[in-house]
Amino acid sequence: MFFVDGNRSYLAGGAHSAAVVGPPRDIDEVIAAATGLPVVRR
């Protein structure tokens, strides 16, 4: 869980992928936490 400006974002992942719920505008911190997992933006 990440707190950015009072908003919560969640990173859930497994062995091969991850999903972010409610991503912040500055997604760099979340991407750094998911290092080694493929990043797909939708």
Protein backbone atom coordinates (compact mmCIF):
# COMPACT_ATOMS: atom_id res chain seq x y z
CA MET A 1 0.00 0.00 0.00
CA PHE A 2 1.24 3.46 -0.89
CA PHE A 3 0.05 6.79 0.53
CA VAL A 4 0.56 9.78 -1.78
CA ASP A 5 -1.03 13.11 -0.80
CA GLY A 6 -3.56 11.29 1.38
CA ASN A 7 -4.64 8.89 -1.38
CA ARG A 8 -4.10 5.14 -1.23
CA SER A 9 -2.73 2.98 -4.01
CA TYR A 10 -2.35 -0.78 -3.88
CA LEU A 11 0.18 -3.02 -5.60
CA ALA A 12 -0.76 -6.69 -5.82
CA GLY A 13 1.53 -9.11 -7.59
CA GLY A 14 2.47 -12.67 -8.18
CA ALA A 15 5.44 -14.46 -9.67
CA HIS A 16 4.98 -13.05 -13.18
CA SER A 17 2.81 -9.95 -13.06
CA ALA A 18 1.36 -7.22 -10.87
CA ALA A 19 -1.62 -4.87 -10.81
CA VAL A 20 -1.91 -1.38 -9.36
CA VAL A 21 -5.26 -0.16 -8.06
CA GLY A 22 -5.73 3.59 -7.79
CA PRO A 23 -2.28 4.52 -9.09
CA PRO A 24 -0.90 7.96 -8.19
CA ARG A 25 0.05 10.45 -10.91
CA ASP A 26 3.71 9.96 -10.06
CA ILE A 27 3.84 6.20 -10.56
CA ASP A 28 7.64 5.93 -10.23
CA GLU A 29 7.53 4.71 -6.61
CA VAL A 30 5.06 1.96 -7.50
CA ILE A 31 7.07 0.88 -10.56
CA ALA A 32 10.22 0.73 -8.42
CA ALA A 33 8.41 -1.58 -5.97
CA ALA A 34 7.45 -3.87 -8.86
CA THR A 35 11.02 -4.14 -10.17
CA GLY A 36 11.50 -7.33 -12.15
CA LEU A 37 7.81 -7.63 -13.09
CA PRO A 38 6.53 -6.71 -16.56
CA VAL A 39 4.78 -3.32 -16.71
CA VAL A 40 1.58 -3.12 -18.77
CA ARG A 41 -0.35 0.15 -18.83
CA ARG A 42 -4.05 0.02 -19.61
